[in-house]
Amino acid sequence: MSEFLSSGRNRILVAAIAFVVVVLAAGGGYYFWSKSASSSGQEVASLSEAGICKAAVARARDYGVLPPDAQKVGEKSVSDTDPNRVTCNAQANNATFTLIATVPCDDAKDDKCLMLQKVTSADGKALYDTQDI
């Protein structure tokens, strides 16, 4: 073996082979790691699974439109004319609220997928309305 490595040309050949083996091993490891990461729950978080109304109430609280203790009550209703438009109800203390939101996509991590359109109090007073902005 020492005779084989004594030649400069052979040492370069061994180094090149070692380099190729390391690159292939690293590439293969990355490939399998990326495949396992994508199939282990790293997918898009769904608004429908998280609860559209729960997310809409949280958004209205974040905007300061609803009190901090406001919670979703009841189930959502979907518009007959626009399946992306939902109506939700919320309650805080003795006050009730109606929220209307547009849901053009189902990605809970994308703010554009839940657009709060209007929040009204029980007496019909608009507390938030994108038509007024």
C-alpha atoms as a PDB file:
ATOM      1  CA  MET A   1       0.000   0.000   0.000  1.00  0.00           C
ATOM      2  CA  SER A   2       2.818   2.379   0.798  1.00  0.00           C
ATOM      3  CA  GLU A   3       4.205   1.826  -2.701  1.00  0.00           C
ATOM      4  CA  PHE A   4       0.821   2.757  -4.169  1.00  0.00           C
ATOM      5  CA  LEU A   5       0.630   6.007  -2.164  1.00  0.00           C
ATOM      6  CA  SER A   6       4.234   6.945  -2.884  1.00  0.00           C
ATOM      7  CA  SER A   7       3.264   8.208  -6.316  1.00  0.00           C
ATOM      8  CA  GLY A   8       1.794  11.730  -6.405  1.00  0.00           C
ATOM      9  CA  ARG A   9      -0.665  10.712  -9.084  1.00  0.00           C
ATOM     10  CA  ASN A  10      -2.045   7.871  -6.945  1.00  0.00           C
ATOM     11  CA  ARG A  11      -2.449  10.141  -3.896  1.00  0.00           C
ATOM     12  CA  ILE A  12      -4.518  12.563  -5.993  1.00  0.00           C
ATOM     13  CA  LEU A  13      -6.633   9.649  -7.234  1.00  0.00           C
ATOM     14  CA  VAL A  14      -7.305   8.450  -3.652  1.00  0.00           C
ATOM     15  CA  ALA A  15      -8.162  12.001  -2.534  1.00  0.00           C
ATOM     16  CA  ALA A  16     -10.548  12.454  -5.482  1.00  0.00           C
ATOM     17  CA  ILE A  17     -12.305   9.166  -4.717  1.00  0.00           C
ATOM     18  CA  ALA A  18     -12.617  10.123  -1.035  1.00  0.00           C
ATOM     19  CA  PHE A  19     -14.060  13.515  -2.004  1.00  0.00           C
ATOM     20  CA  VAL A  20     -16.657  11.922  -4.300  1.00  0.00           C
ATOM     21  CA  VAL A  21     -17.685   9.453  -1.564  1.00  0.00           C
ATOM     22  CA  VAL A  22     -18.110  12.278   0.983  1.00  0.00           C
ATOM     23  CA  VAL A  23     -20.155  14.411  -1.450  1.00  0.00           C
ATOM     24  CA  LEU A  24     -22.421  11.477  -2.357  1.00  0.00           C
ATOM     25  CA  ALA A  25     -22.934  10.566   1.305  1.00  0.00           C
ATOM     26  CA  ALA A  26     -23.788  14.149   2.227  1.00  0.00           C
ATOM     27  CA  GLY A  27     -26.165  14.521  -0.715  1.00  0.00           C
ATOM     28  CA  GLY A  28     -27.894  11.248   0.068  1.00  0.00           C
ATOM     29  CA  GLY A  29     -28.242  12.175   3.719  1.00  0.00           C
ATOM     30  CA  TYR A  30     -29.755  15.541   2.826  1.00  0.00           C
ATOM     31  CA  TYR A  31     -32.189  13.890   0.402  1.00  0.00           C
ATOM     32  CA  PHE A  32     -33.483  11.421   2.985  1.00  0.00           C
ATOM     33  CA  TRP A  33     -33.612  14.075   5.712  1.00  0.00           C
ATOM     34  CA  SER A  34     -35.637  16.457   3.532  1.00  0.00           C
ATOM     35  CA  LYS A  35     -38.072  13.695   2.553  1.00  0.00           C
ATOM     36  CA  SER A  36     -38.634  12.657   6.158  1.00  0.00           C
ATOM     37  CA  ALA A  37     -39.091  16.278   7.303  1.00  0.00           C
ATOM     38  CA  SER A  38     -41.743  16.964   4.666  1.00  0.00           C
ATOM     39  CA  SER A  39     -43.758  13.889   5.584  1.00  0.00           C
ATOM     40  CA  SER A  40     -43.635  14.358   9.358  1.00  0.00           C
ATOM     41  CA  GLY A  41     -46.148  17.159   9.855  1.00  0.00           C
ATOM     42  CA  GLN A  42     -44.220  20.011   8.265  1.00  0.00           C
ATOM     43  CA  GLU A  43     -47.168  20.612   5.958  1.00  0.00           C
ATOM     44  CA  VAL A  44     -49.416  23.660   5.727  1.00  0.00           C
ATOM     45  CA  ALA A  45     -51.511  24.313   8.832  1.00  0.00           C
ATOM     46  CA  SER A  46     -55.178  24.221   7.884  1.00  0.00           C
ATOM     47  CA  LEU A  47     -57.565  27.009   8.913  1.00  0.00           C
ATOM     48  CA  SER A  48     -60.501  24.624   8.719  1.00  0.00           C
ATOM     49  CA  GLU A  49     -58.774  22.239  11.142  1.00  0.00           C
ATOM     50  CA  ALA A  50     -57.713  25.047  13.492  1.00  0.00           C
ATOM     51  CA  GLY A  51     -61.206  26.561  13.415  1.00  0.00           C
ATOM     52  CA  ILE A  52     -62.028  29.480  11.163  1.00  0.00           C
ATOM     53  CA  CYS A  53     -64.216  31.200  13.743  1.00  0.00           C
ATOM     54  CA  LYS A  54     -61.663  30.750  16.503  1.00  0.00           C
ATOM     55  CA  ALA A  55     -59.041  32.345  14.225  1.00  0.00           C
ATOM     56  CA  ALA A  56     -61.427  35.182  13.255  1.00  0.00           C
ATOM     57  CA  VAL A  57     -62.169  35.986  16.908  1.00  0.00           C
ATOM     58  CA  ALA A  58     -58.450  35.946  17.704  1.00  0.00           C
ATOM     59  CA  ARG A  59     -57.794  38.306  14.781  1.00  0.00           C
ATOM     60  CA  ALA A  60     -60.532  40.707  15.980  1.00  0.00           C
ATOM     61  CA  ARG A  61     -59.052  40.632  19.503  1.00  0.00           C
ATOM     62  CA  ASP A  62     -55.604  41.370  18.018  1.00  0.00           C
ATOM     63  CA  TYR A  63     -57.082  44.348  16.144  1.00  0.00           C
ATOM     64  CA  GLY A  64     -58.542  45.641  19.434  1.00  0.00           C
ATOM     65  CA  VAL A  65     -62.094  45.322  18.105  1.00  0.00           C
ATOM     66  CA  LEU A  66     -63.182  42.659  20.594  1.00  0.00           C
ATOM     67  CA  PRO A  67     -62.435  42.565  24.329  1.00  0.00           C
ATOM     68  CA  PRO A  68     -59.526  40.329  25.388  1.00  0.00           C
ATOM     69  CA  ASP A  69     -61.909  37.791  26.941  1.00  0.00           C
ATOM     70  CA  ALA A  70     -64.056  37.365  23.804  1.00  0.00           C
ATOM     71  CA  GLN A  71     -64.576  33.753  22.788  1.00  0.00           C
ATOM     72  CA  LYS A  72     -66.179  32.027  19.823  1.00  0.00           C
ATOM     73  CA  VAL A  73     -69.703  30.744  20.438  1.00  0.00           C
ATOM     74  CA  GLY A  74     -71.750  28.513  18.175  1.00  0.00           C
ATOM     75  CA  GLU A  75     -70.836  27.285  14.742  1.00  0.00           C
ATOM     76  CA  LYS A  76     -69.897  29.171  11.607  1.00  0.00           C
ATOM     77  CA  SER A  77     -72.368  29.766   8.827  1.00  0.00           C
ATOM     78  CA  VAL A  78     -71.247  29.894   5.219  1.00  0.00           C
ATOM     79  CA  SER A  79     -72.735  32.337   2.730  1.00  0.00           C
ATOM     80  CA  ASP A  80     -74.989  30.801   0.066  1.00  0.00           C
ATOM     81  CA  THR A  81     -73.679  33.223  -2.541  1.00  0.00           C
ATOM     82  CA  ASP A  82     -69.973  33.134  -1.620  1.00  0.00           C
ATOM     83  CA  PRO A  83     -68.552  29.912  -0.139  1.00  0.00           C
ATOM     84  CA  ASN A  84     -65.441  31.827   0.989  1.00  0.00           C
ATOM     85  CA  ARG A  85     -67.469  34.143   3.250  1.00  0.00           C
ATOM     86  CA  VAL A  86     -68.215  32.913   6.768  1.00  0.00           C
ATOM     87  CA  THR A  87     -70.157  34.401   9.649  1.00  0.00           C
ATOM     88  CA  CYS A  88     -69.178  33.650  13.240  1.00  0.00           C
ATOM     89  CA  ASN A  89     -70.435  34.676  16.648  1.00  0.00           C
ATOM     90  CA  ALA A  90     -68.461  35.697  19.705  1.00  0.00           C
ATOM     91  CA  GLN A  91     -69.269  36.578  23.271  1.00  0.00           C
ATOM     92  CA  ALA A  92     -67.505  38.516  26.022  1.00  0.00           C
ATOM     93  CA  ASN A  93     -69.178  39.020  29.409  1.00  0.00           C
ATOM     94  CA  ASN A  94     -72.792  39.875  28.470  1.00  0.00           C
ATOM     95  CA  ALA A  95     -71.989  41.304  25.035  1.00  0.00           C
ATOM     96  CA  THR A  96     -72.399  39.346  21.793  1.00  0.00           C
ATOM     97  CA  PHE A  97     -70.752  40.047  18.472  1.00  0.00           C
ATOM     98  CA  THR A  98     -71.075  38.918  14.873  1.00  0.00           C
ATOM     99  CA  LEU A  99     -67.980  38.585  12.709  1.00  0.00           C
ATOM    100  CA  ILE A 100     -67.871  38.257   8.935  1.00  0.00           C
ATOM    101  CA  ALA A 101     -64.672  37.013   7.340  1.00  0.00           C
ATOM    102  CA  THR A 102     -63.480  35.989   3.901  1.00  0.00           C
ATOM    103  CA  VAL A 103     -61.408  32.818   3.669  1.00  0.00           C
ATOM    104  CA  PRO A 104     -59.878  32.614   0.161  1.00  0.00           C
ATOM    105  CA  CYS A 105     -57.380  29.880   1.105  1.00  0.00           C
ATOM    106  CA  ASP A 106     -56.794  27.364   3.893  1.00  0.00           C
ATOM    107  CA  ASP A 107     -53.286  28.205   5.154  1.00  0.00           C
ATOM    108  CA  ALA A 108     -53.440  29.181   8.842  1.00  0.00           C
ATOM    109  CA  LYS A 109     -49.923  30.647   8.668  1.00  0.00           C
ATOM    110  CA  ASP A 110     -50.777  33.063   5.834  1.00  0.00           C
ATOM    111  CA  ASP A 111     -52.520  36.224   7.084  1.00  0.00           C
ATOM    112  CA  LYS A 112     -54.087  36.740   3.648  1.00  0.00           C
ATOM    113  CA  CYS A 113     -56.079  33.510   4.021  1.00  0.00           C
ATOM    114  CA  LEU A 114     -58.328  34.999   6.719  1.00  0.00           C
ATOM    115  CA  MET A 115     -59.557  38.502   6.048  1.00  0.00           C
ATOM    116  CA  LEU A 116     -61.797  40.004   8.699  1.00  0.00           C
ATOM    117  CA  GLN A 117     -64.458  42.018   6.874  1.00  0.00           C
ATOM    118  CA  LYS A 118     -66.884  43.216   9.539  1.00  0.00           C
ATOM    119  CA  VAL A 119     -67.557  43.002  13.264  1.00  0.00           C
ATOM    120  CA  THR A 120     -70.867  44.173  14.691  1.00  0.00           C
ATOM    121  CA  SER A 121     -72.249  44.323  18.206  1.00  0.00           C
ATOM    122  CA  ALA A 122     -75.614  42.774  19.133  1.00  0.00           C
ATOM    123  CA  ASP A 123     -77.426  46.033  18.347  1.00  0.00           C
ATOM    124  CA  GLY A 124     -76.019  46.036  14.796  1.00  0.00           C
ATOM    125  CA  LYS A 125     -73.445  48.789  15.376  1.00  0.00           C
ATOM    126  CA  ALA A 126     -70.376  48.243  13.183  1.00  0.00           C
ATOM    127  CA  LEU A 127     -67.243  48.028  15.315  1.00  0.00           C
ATOM    128  CA  TYR A 128     -64.994  47.154  12.383  1.00  0.00           C
ATOM    129  CA  ASP A 129     -65.810  47.346   8.691  1.00  0.00           C
ATOM    130  CA  THR A 130     -63.349  47.156   5.834  1.00  0.00           C
ATOM    131  CA  GLN A 131     -65.834  49.134   3.719  1.00  0.00           C
ATOM    132  CA  ASP A 132     -65.139  52.127   5.975  1.00  0.00           C
ATOM    133  CA  ILE A 133     -61.367  51.890   5.668  1.00  0.00           C
END
